[in-house]
Amino acid sequence: ITEDNFSELVKDGVTLYLLQSVDQILLSAT
């Protein structure tokens, strides 16, 4: 998510990840 694509990708009900890097391995299932 960047300033340029925020309005396009972020909408009500959308699930987002907060990560240290884009390719970070998830520690558990979501």
Full PDB file with SEQRES, HELIX, SHEET, SSBOND, CRYST1, ORIGX, SCALE, CONECT and MASTER records, all heavy atoms in Angstrom:
SEQRES   1 A   30  ILE THR GLU ASP ASN PHE SER GLU LEU VAL LYS ASP GLY          
SEQRES   2 A   30  VAL THR LEU TYR LEU LEU GLN SER VAL ASP GLN ILE LEU          
SEQRES   3 A   30  LEU SER ALA THR                                              
HELIX    1 AA1 PHE A    6  LEU A    9  1                                   4    
CRYST1    1.000    1.000    1.000  90.00  90.00  90.00 P 1           1          
ORIGX1      1.000000  0.000000  0.000000        0.00000                         
ORIGX2      0.000000  1.000000  0.000000        0.00000                         
ORIGX3      0.000000  0.000000  1.000000        0.00000                         
SCALE1      1.000000  0.000000  0.000000        0.00000                         
SCALE2      0.000000  1.000000  0.000000        0.00000                         
SCALE3      0.000000  0.000000  1.000000        0.00000                         
ATOM      1  N   ILE A   1       0.853  -1.189   0.000  1.00  0.00           N  
ATOM      2  CA  ILE A   1       0.000   0.000   0.000  1.00  0.00           C  
ATOM      3  C   ILE A   1       0.890   1.239   0.000  1.00  0.00           C  
ATOM      4  O   ILE A   1       1.750   1.406   0.873  1.00  0.00           O  
ATOM      5  CB  ILE A   1      -0.920   0.024   1.235  1.00  0.00           C  
ATOM      6  CG1 ILE A   1      -1.764  -1.244   1.310  1.00  0.00           C  
ATOM      7  CG2 ILE A   1      -1.798   1.264   1.218  1.00  0.00           C  
ATOM      8  CD1 ILE A   1      -2.704  -1.421   0.151  1.00  0.00           C  
ATOM      9  N   THR A   2       0.691   2.101  -0.986  1.00  0.00           N  
ATOM     10  CA  THR A   2       1.455   3.343  -1.080  1.00  0.00           C  
ATOM     11  C   THR A   2       0.489   4.519  -1.183  1.00  0.00           C  
ATOM     12  O   THR A   2      -0.726   4.351  -1.307  1.00  0.00           O  
ATOM     13  CB  THR A   2       2.363   3.335  -2.323  1.00  0.00           C  
ATOM     14  OG1 THR A   2       1.538   3.331  -3.501  1.00  0.00           O  
ATOM     15  CG2 THR A   2       3.269   2.111  -2.335  1.00  0.00           C  
ATOM     16  N   GLU A   3       1.048   5.701  -1.151  1.00  0.00           N  
ATOM     17  CA  GLU A   3       0.212   6.911  -1.283  1.00  0.00           C  
ATOM     18  C   GLU A   3      -0.509   6.924  -2.624  1.00  0.00           C  
ATOM     19  O   GLU A   3      -1.640   7.407  -2.732  1.00  0.00           O  
ATOM     20  CB  GLU A   3       1.090   8.160  -1.140  1.00  0.00           C  
ATOM     21  CG  GLU A   3       0.297   9.461  -1.178  1.00  0.00           C  
ATOM     22  CD  GLU A   3       1.193  10.672  -0.971  1.00  0.00           C  
ATOM     23  OE1 GLU A   3       2.419  10.494  -0.831  1.00  0.00           O  
ATOM     24  OE2 GLU A   3       0.663  11.786  -0.943  1.00  0.00           O  
ATOM     25  N   ASP A   4       0.120   6.366  -3.655  1.00  0.00           N  
ATOM     26  CA  ASP A   4      -0.460   6.407  -5.000  1.00  0.00           C  
ATOM     27  C   ASP A   4      -1.620   5.427  -5.170  1.00  0.00           C  
ATOM     28  O   ASP A   4      -2.580   5.718  -5.875  1.00  0.00           O  
ATOM     29  CB  ASP A   4       0.620   6.101  -6.044  1.00  0.00           C  
ATOM     30  CG  ASP A   4       1.700   7.183  -6.085  1.00  0.00           C  
ATOM     31  OD1 ASP A   4       1.372   8.352  -5.760  1.00  0.00           O  
ATOM     32  OD2 ASP A   4       2.846   6.848  -6.427  1.00  0.00           O  
ATOM     33  N   ASN A   5      -1.525   4.242  -4.551  1.00  0.00           N  
ATOM     34  CA  ASN A   5      -2.566   3.237  -4.783  1.00  0.00           C  
ATOM     35  C   ASN A   5      -3.517   3.061  -3.601  1.00  0.00           C  
ATOM     36  O   ASN A   5      -4.370   2.180  -3.612  1.00  0.00           O  
ATOM     37  CB  ASN A   5      -1.938   1.883  -5.137  1.00  0.00           C  
ATOM     38  CG  ASN A   5      -1.095   1.310  -3.999  1.00  0.00           C  
ATOM     39  OD1 ASN A   5      -1.267   1.639  -2.831  1.00  0.00           O  
ATOM     40  ND2 ASN A   5      -0.161   0.425  -4.348  1.00  0.00           N  
ATOM     41  N   PHE A   6      -3.382   3.905  -2.578  1.00  0.00           N  
ATOM     42  CA  PHE A   6      -4.192   3.741  -1.363  1.00  0.00           C  
ATOM     43  C   PHE A   6      -5.690   3.737  -1.669  1.00  0.00           C  
ATOM     44  O   PHE A   6      -6.425   2.837  -1.258  1.00  0.00           O  
ATOM     45  CB  PHE A   6      -3.869   4.866  -0.374  1.00  0.00           C  
ATOM     46  CG  PHE A   6      -4.648   4.779   0.910  1.00  0.00           C  
ATOM     47  CD1 PHE A   6      -4.176   4.023   1.973  1.00  0.00           C  
ATOM     48  CD2 PHE A   6      -5.859   5.437   1.055  1.00  0.00           C  
ATOM     49  CE1 PHE A   6      -4.897   3.939   3.165  1.00  0.00           C  
ATOM     50  CE2 PHE A   6      -6.594   5.346   2.225  1.00  0.00           C  
ATOM     51  CZ  PHE A   6      -6.108   4.602   3.286  1.00  0.00           C  
ATOM     52  N   SER A   7      -6.155   4.732  -2.407  1.00  0.00           N  
ATOM     53  CA  SER A   7      -7.598   4.838  -2.669  1.00  0.00           C  
ATOM     54  C   SER A   7      -8.098   3.684  -3.531  1.00  0.00           C  
ATOM     55  O   SER A   7      -9.268   3.317  -3.471  1.00  0.00           O  
ATOM     56  CB  SER A   7      -7.911   6.171  -3.357  1.00  0.00           C  
ATOM     57  OG  SER A   7      -7.205   6.293  -4.579  1.00  0.00           O  
ATOM     58  N   GLU A   8      -7.209   3.084  -4.322  1.00  0.00           N  
ATOM     59  CA  GLU A   8      -7.597   1.985  -5.206  1.00  0.00           C  
ATOM     60  C   GLU A   8      -7.682   0.659  -4.463  1.00  0.00           C  
ATOM     61  O   GLU A   8      -8.586  -0.151  -4.709  1.00  0.00           O  
ATOM     62  CB  GLU A   8      -6.582   1.859  -6.346  1.00  0.00           C  
ATOM     63  CG  GLU A   8      -6.811   0.666  -7.256  1.00  0.00           C  
ATOM     64  CD  GLU A   8      -5.676   0.485  -8.255  1.00  0.00           C  
ATOM     65  OE1 GLU A   8      -4.813   1.376  -8.343  1.00  0.00           O  
ATOM     66  OE2 GLU A   8      -5.660  -0.558  -8.930  1.00  0.00           O  
ATOM     67  N   LEU A   9      -6.756   0.426  -3.523  1.00  0.00           N  
ATOM     68  CA  LEU A   9      -6.652  -0.881  -2.881  1.00  0.00           C  
ATOM     69  C   LEU A   9      -7.321  -0.967  -1.517  1.00  0.00           C  
ATOM     70  O   LEU A   9      -7.724  -2.052  -1.095  1.00  0.00           O  
ATOM     71  CB  LEU A   9      -5.170  -1.266  -2.725  1.00  0.00           C  
ATOM     72  CG  LEU A   9      -4.369  -1.426  -4.012  1.00  0.00           C  
ATOM     73  CD1 LEU A   9      -2.922  -1.791  -3.698  1.00  0.00           C  
ATOM     74  CD2 LEU A   9      -4.998  -2.480  -4.916  1.00  0.00           C  
ATOM     75  N   VAL A  10      -7.446   0.162  -0.826  1.00  0.00           N  
ATOM     76  CA  VAL A  10      -7.978   0.131   0.536  1.00  0.00           C  
ATOM     77  C   VAL A  10      -9.443   0.537   0.531  1.00  0.00           C  
ATOM     78  O   VAL A  10      -9.790   1.682   0.271  1.00  0.00           O  
ATOM     79  CB  VAL A  10      -7.171   1.056   1.471  1.00  0.00           C  
ATOM     80  CG1 VAL A  10      -7.743   1.004   2.882  1.00  0.00           C  
ATOM     81  CG2 VAL A  10      -5.702   0.649   1.479  1.00  0.00           C  
ATOM     82  N   LYS A  11     -10.298  -0.447   0.820  1.00  0.00           N  
ATOM     83  CA  LYS A  11     -11.740  -0.210   0.867  1.00  0.00           C  
ATOM     84  C   LYS A  11     -12.310  -0.883   2.105  1.00  0.00           C  
ATOM     85  O   LYS A  11     -11.640  -1.697   2.748  1.00  0.00           O  
ATOM     86  CB  LYS A  11     -12.420  -0.770  -0.399  1.00  0.00           C  
ATOM     87  CG  LYS A  11     -11.957  -0.128  -1.700  1.00  0.00           C  
ATOM     88  CD  LYS A  11     -12.697  -0.728  -2.891  1.00  0.00           C  
ATOM     89  CE  LYS A  11     -12.390   0.028  -4.173  1.00  0.00           C  
ATOM     90  NZ  LYS A  11     -11.070  -0.203  -4.682  1.00  0.00           N  
ATOM     91  N   ASP A  12     -13.530  -0.556   2.437  1.00  0.00           N  
ATOM     92  CA  ASP A  12     -14.167  -1.167   3.603  1.00  0.00           C  
ATOM     93  C   ASP A  12     -14.153  -2.685   3.478  1.00  0.00           C  
ATOM     94  O   ASP A  12     -14.490  -3.238   2.431  1.00  0.00           O  
ATOM     95  CB  ASP A  12     -15.618  -0.683   3.737  1.00  0.00           C  
ATOM     96  CG  ASP A  12     -15.711   0.765   4.186  1.00  0.00           C  
ATOM     97  OD1 ASP A  12     -14.691   1.276   4.694  1.00  0.00           O  
ATOM     98  OD2 ASP A  12     -16.775   1.381   4.019  1.00  0.00           O  
ATOM     99  N   GLY A  13     -13.762  -3.353   4.544  1.00  0.00           N  
ATOM    100  CA  GLY A  13     -13.798  -4.809   4.560  1.00  0.00           C  
ATOM    101  C   GLY A  13     -12.567  -5.489   4.005  1.00  0.00           C  
ATOM    102  O   GLY A  13     -12.467  -6.707   4.048  1.00  0.00           O  
ATOM    103  N   VAL A  14     -11.619  -4.716   3.481  1.00  0.00           N  
ATOM    104  CA  VAL A  14     -10.402  -5.300   2.914  1.00  0.00           C  
ATOM    105  C   VAL A  14      -9.441  -5.687   4.038  1.00  0.00           C  
ATOM    106  O   VAL A  14      -9.232  -4.931   4.979  1.00  0.00           O  
ATOM    107  CB  VAL A  14      -9.709  -4.305   1.947  1.00  0.00           C  
ATOM    108  CG1 VAL A  14      -8.325  -4.816   1.559  1.00  0.00           C  
ATOM    109  CG2 VAL A  14     -10.552  -4.115   0.713  1.00  0.00           C  
ATOM    110  N   THR A  15      -8.877  -6.886   3.958  1.00  0.00           N  
ATOM    111  CA  THR A  15      -7.902  -7.353   4.938  1.00  0.00           C  
ATOM    112  C   THR A  15      -6.502  -6.909   4.524  1.00  0.00           C  
ATOM    113  O   THR A  15      -6.122  -7.055   3.367  1.00  0.00           O  
ATOM    114  CB  THR A  15      -7.937  -8.886   5.056  1.00  0.00           C  
ATOM    115  OG1 THR A  15      -9.247  -9.284   5.488  1.00  0.00           O  
ATOM    116  CG2 THR A  15      -6.909  -9.389   6.054  1.00  0.00           C  
ATOM    117  N   LEU A  16      -5.741  -6.362   5.472  1.00  0.00           N  
ATOM    118  CA  LEU A  16      -4.387  -5.883   5.202  1.00  0.00           C  
ATOM    119  C   LEU A  16      -3.391  -6.576   6.132  1.00  0.00           C  
ATOM    120  O   LEU A  16      -3.744  -7.008   7.224  1.00  0.00           O  
ATOM    121  CB  LEU A  16      -4.305  -4.364   5.406  1.00  0.00           C  
ATOM    122  CG  LEU A  16      -5.224  -3.493   4.536  1.00  0.00           C  
ATOM    123  CD1 LEU A  16      -5.121  -2.041   4.959  1.00  0.00           C  
ATOM    124  CD2 LEU A  16      -4.889  -3.654   3.067  1.00  0.00           C  
ATOM    125  N   TYR A  17      -2.151  -6.685   5.666  1.00  0.00           N  
ATOM    126  CA  TYR A  17      -1.068  -7.223   6.476  1.00  0.00           C  
ATOM    127  C   TYR A  17      -0.128  -6.086   6.883  1.00  0.00           C  
ATOM    128  O   TYR A  17       0.175  -5.200   6.066  1.00  0.00           O  
ATOM    129  CB  TYR A  17      -0.229  -8.241   5.683  1.00  0.00           C  
ATOM    130  CG  TYR A  17      -0.921  -9.537   5.345  1.00  0.00           C  
ATOM    131  CD1 TYR A  17      -0.475 -10.302   4.262  1.00  0.00           C  
ATOM    132  CD2 TYR A  17      -1.988 -10.023   6.098  1.00  0.00           C  
ATOM    133  CE1 TYR A  17      -1.093 -11.509   3.939  1.00  0.00           C  
ATOM    134  CE2 TYR A  17      -2.600 -11.221   5.778  1.00  0.00           C  
ATOM    135  CZ  TYR A  17      -2.154 -11.957   4.700  1.00  0.00           C  
ATOM    136  OH  TYR A  17      -2.752 -13.147   4.373  1.00  0.00           O  
ATOM    137  N   LEU A  18       0.334  -6.109   8.130  1.00  0.00           N  
ATOM    138  CA  LEU A  18       1.388  -5.217   8.597  1.00  0.00           C  
ATOM    139  C   LEU A  18       2.641  -6.073   8.761  1.00  0.00           C  
ATOM    140  O   LEU A  18       2.708  -6.931   9.635  1.00  0.00           O  
ATOM    141  CB  LEU A  18       0.999  -4.573   9.934  1.00  0.00           C  
ATOM    142  CG  LEU A  18       2.032  -3.652  10.582  1.00  0.00           C  
ATOM    143  CD1 LEU A  18       2.317  -2.442   9.689  1.00  0.00           C  
ATOM    144  CD2 LEU A  18       1.562  -3.192  11.955  1.00  0.00           C  
ATOM    145  N   LEU A  19       3.634  -5.863   7.868  1.00  0.00           N  
ATOM    146  CA  LEU A  19       4.792  -6.745   7.798  1.00  0.00           C  
ATOM    147  C   LEU A  19       6.090  -5.954   7.850  1.00  0.00           C  
ATOM    148  O   LEU A  19       6.108  -4.739   7.637  1.00  0.00           O  
ATOM    149  CB  LEU A  19       4.760  -7.551   6.482  1.00  0.00           C  
ATOM    150  CG  LEU A  19       3.487  -8.368   6.202  1.00  0.00           C  
ATOM    151  CD1 LEU A  19       3.537  -8.909   4.775  1.00  0.00           C  
ATOM    152  CD2 LEU A  19       3.335  -9.486   7.206  1.00  0.00           C  
ATOM    153  N   GLN A  20       7.173  -6.668   8.094  1.00  0.00           N  
ATOM    154  CA  GLN A  20       8.489  -6.041   8.052  1.00  0.00           C  
ATOM    155  C   GLN A  20       8.990  -5.906   6.627  1.00  0.00           C  
ATOM    156  O   GLN A  20       9.792  -5.032   6.323  1.00  0.00           O  
ATOM    157  CB  GLN A  20       9.481  -6.856   8.898  1.00  0.00           C  
ATOM    158  CG  GLN A  20       9.170  -6.813  10.394  1.00  0.00           C  
ATOM    159  CD  GLN A  20      10.107  -7.696  11.197  1.00  0.00           C  
ATOM    160  OE1 GLN A  20      10.393  -8.822  10.802  1.00  0.00           O  
ATOM    161  NE2 GLN A  20      10.588  -7.190  12.327  1.00  0.00           N  
ATOM    162  N   SER A  21       8.520  -6.783   5.740  1.00  0.00           N  
ATOM    163  CA  SER A  21       8.856  -6.697   4.325  1.00  0.00           C  
ATOM    164  C   SER A  21       7.729  -7.361   3.536  1.00  0.00           C  
ATOM    165  O   SER A  21       6.957  -8.147   4.085  1.00  0.00           O  
ATOM    166  CB  SER A  21      10.186  -7.399   4.023  1.00  0.00           C  
ATOM    167  OG  SER A  21      10.094  -8.783   4.289  1.00  0.00           O  
ATOM    168  N   VAL A  22       7.636  -7.026   2.252  1.00  0.00           N  
ATOM    169  CA  VAL A  22       6.549  -7.547   1.427  1.00  0.00           C  
ATOM    170  C   VAL A  22       6.568  -9.067   1.372  1.00  0.00           C  
ATOM    171  O   VAL A  22       5.517  -9.724   1.346  1.00  0.00           O  
ATOM    172  CB  VAL A  22       6.634  -6.952   0.004  1.00  0.00           C  
ATOM    173  CG1 VAL A  22       5.628  -7.617  -0.926  1.00  0.00           C  
ATOM    174  CG2 VAL A  22       6.383  -5.444   0.049  1.00  0.00           C  
ATOM    175  N   ASP A  23       7.771  -9.665   1.351  1.00  0.00           N  
ATOM    176  CA  ASP A  23       7.881 -11.116   1.199  1.00  0.00           C  
ATOM    177  C   ASP A  23       8.081 -11.835   2.526  1.00  0.00           C  
ATOM    178  O   ASP A  23       8.503 -12.993   2.562  1.00  0.00           O  
ATOM    179  CB  ASP A  23       9.019 -11.471   0.243  1.00  0.00           C  
ATOM    180  CG  ASP A  23      10.357 -10.898   0.700  1.00  0.00           C  
ATOM    181  OD1 ASP A  23      10.381 -10.169   1.719  1.00  0.00           O  
ATOM    182  OD2 ASP A  23      11.372 -11.180   0.037  1.00  0.00           O  
ATOM    183  N   GLN A  24       7.756 -11.177   3.651  1.00  0.00           N  
ATOM    184  CA  GLN A  24       7.908 -11.807   4.954  1.00  0.00           C  
ATOM    185  C   GLN A  24       7.024 -13.046   5.059  1.00  0.00           C  
ATOM    186  O   GLN A  24       5.864 -13.052   4.634  1.00  0.00           O  
ATOM    187  CB  GLN A  24       7.532 -10.823   6.066  1.00  0.00           C  
ATOM    188  CG  GLN A  24       7.584 -11.414   7.470  1.00  0.00           C  
ATOM    189  CD  GLN A  24       7.143 -10.423   8.532  1.00  0.00           C  
ATOM    190  OE1 GLN A  24       7.176  -9.222   8.315  1.00  0.00           O  
ATOM    191  NE2 GLN A  24       6.706 -10.910   9.679  1.00  0.00           N  
ATOM    192  N   ILE A  25       7.559 -14.116   5.634  1.00  0.00           N  
ATOM    193  CA  ILE A  25       6.776 -15.334   5.835  1.00  0.00           C  
ATOM    194  C   ILE A  25       5.815 -15.125   7.000  1.00  0.00           C  
ATOM    195  O   ILE A  25       6.203 -14.641   8.068  1.00  0.00           O  
ATOM    196  CB  ILE A  25       7.705 -16.533   6.132  1.00  0.00           C  
ATOM    197  CG1 ILE A  25       8.607 -16.813   4.923  1.00  0.00           C  
ATOM    198  CG2 ILE A  25       6.900 -17.777   6.491  1.00  0.00           C  
ATOM    199  CD1 ILE A  25       9.617 -17.916   5.154  1.00  0.00           C  
ATOM    200  N   LEU A  26       4.551 -15.479   6.811  1.00  0.00           N  
ATOM    201  CA  LEU A  26       3.561 -15.328   7.872  1.00  0.00           C  
ATOM    202  C   LEU A  26       3.824 -16.350   8.970  1.00  0.00           C  
ATOM    203  O   LEU A  26       4.082 -17.519   8.702  1.00  0.00           O  
ATOM    204  CB  LEU A  26       2.149 -15.522   7.314  1.00  0.00           C  
ATOM    205  CG  LEU A  26       1.716 -14.535   6.215  1.00  0.00           C  
ATOM    206  CD1 LEU A  26       0.285 -14.847   5.768  1.00  0.00           C  
ATOM    207  CD2 LEU A  26       1.811 -13.101   6.709  1.00  0.00           C  
ATOM    208  N   LEU A  27       3.742 -15.913  10.220  1.00  0.00           N  
ATOM    209  CA  LEU A  27       4.025 -16.789  11.348  1.00  0.00           C  
ATOM    210  C   LEU A  27       2.858 -17.711  11.668  1.00  0.00           C  
ATOM    211  O   LEU A  27       3.023 -18.743  12.305  1.00  0.00           O  
ATOM    212  CB  LEU A  27       4.389 -15.957  12.585  1.00  0.00           C  
ATOM    213  CG  LEU A  27       5.629 -15.061  12.437  1.00  0.00           C  
ATOM    214  CD1 LEU A  27       5.873 -14.283  13.715  1.00  0.00           C  
ATOM    215  CD2 LEU A  27       6.853 -15.908  12.082  1.00  0.00           C  
ATOM    216  N   SER A  28       1.668 -17.344  11.218  1.00  0.00           N  
ATOM    217  CA  SER A  28       0.498 -18.189  11.460  1.00  0.00           C  
ATOM    218  C   SER A  28      -0.528 -17.930  10.370  1.00  0.00           C  
ATOM    219  O   SER A  28      -0.435 -16.942   9.636  1.00  0.00           O  
ATOM    220  CB  SER A  28      -0.108 -17.897  12.838  1.00  0.00           C  
ATOM    221  OG  SER A  28      -0.568 -16.559  12.910  1.00  0.00           O  
ATOM    222  N   ALA A  29      -1.499 -18.816  10.271  1.00  0.00           N  
ATOM    223  CA  ALA A  29      -2.539 -18.666   9.252  1.00  0.00           C  
ATOM    224  C   ALA A  29      -3.442 -17.493   9.600  1.00  0.00           C  
ATOM    225  O   ALA A  29      -3.662 -17.183  10.777  1.00  0.00           O  
ATOM    226  CB  ALA A  29      -3.354 -19.949   9.156  1.00  0.00           C  
ATOM    227  N   THR A  30      -3.937 -16.835   8.590  1.00  0.00           N  
ATOM    228  CA  THR A  30      -4.875 -15.733   8.789  1.00  0.00           C  
ATOM    229  C   THR A  30      -6.222 -16.112   8.182  1.00  0.00           C  
ATOM    230  O   THR A  30      -6.300 -16.957   7.292  1.00  0.00           O  
ATOM    231  CB  THR A  30      -4.374 -14.437   8.121  1.00  0.00           C  
ATOM    232  OG1 THR A  30      -4.323 -14.624   6.700  1.00  0.00           O  
ATOM    233  CG2 THR A  30      -3.000 -14.063   8.633  1.00  0.00           C  
TER     234      THR A  30                                                      
MASTER        0    0    0    1    0    0    0    6  233    1    0    3          
END                                                                             
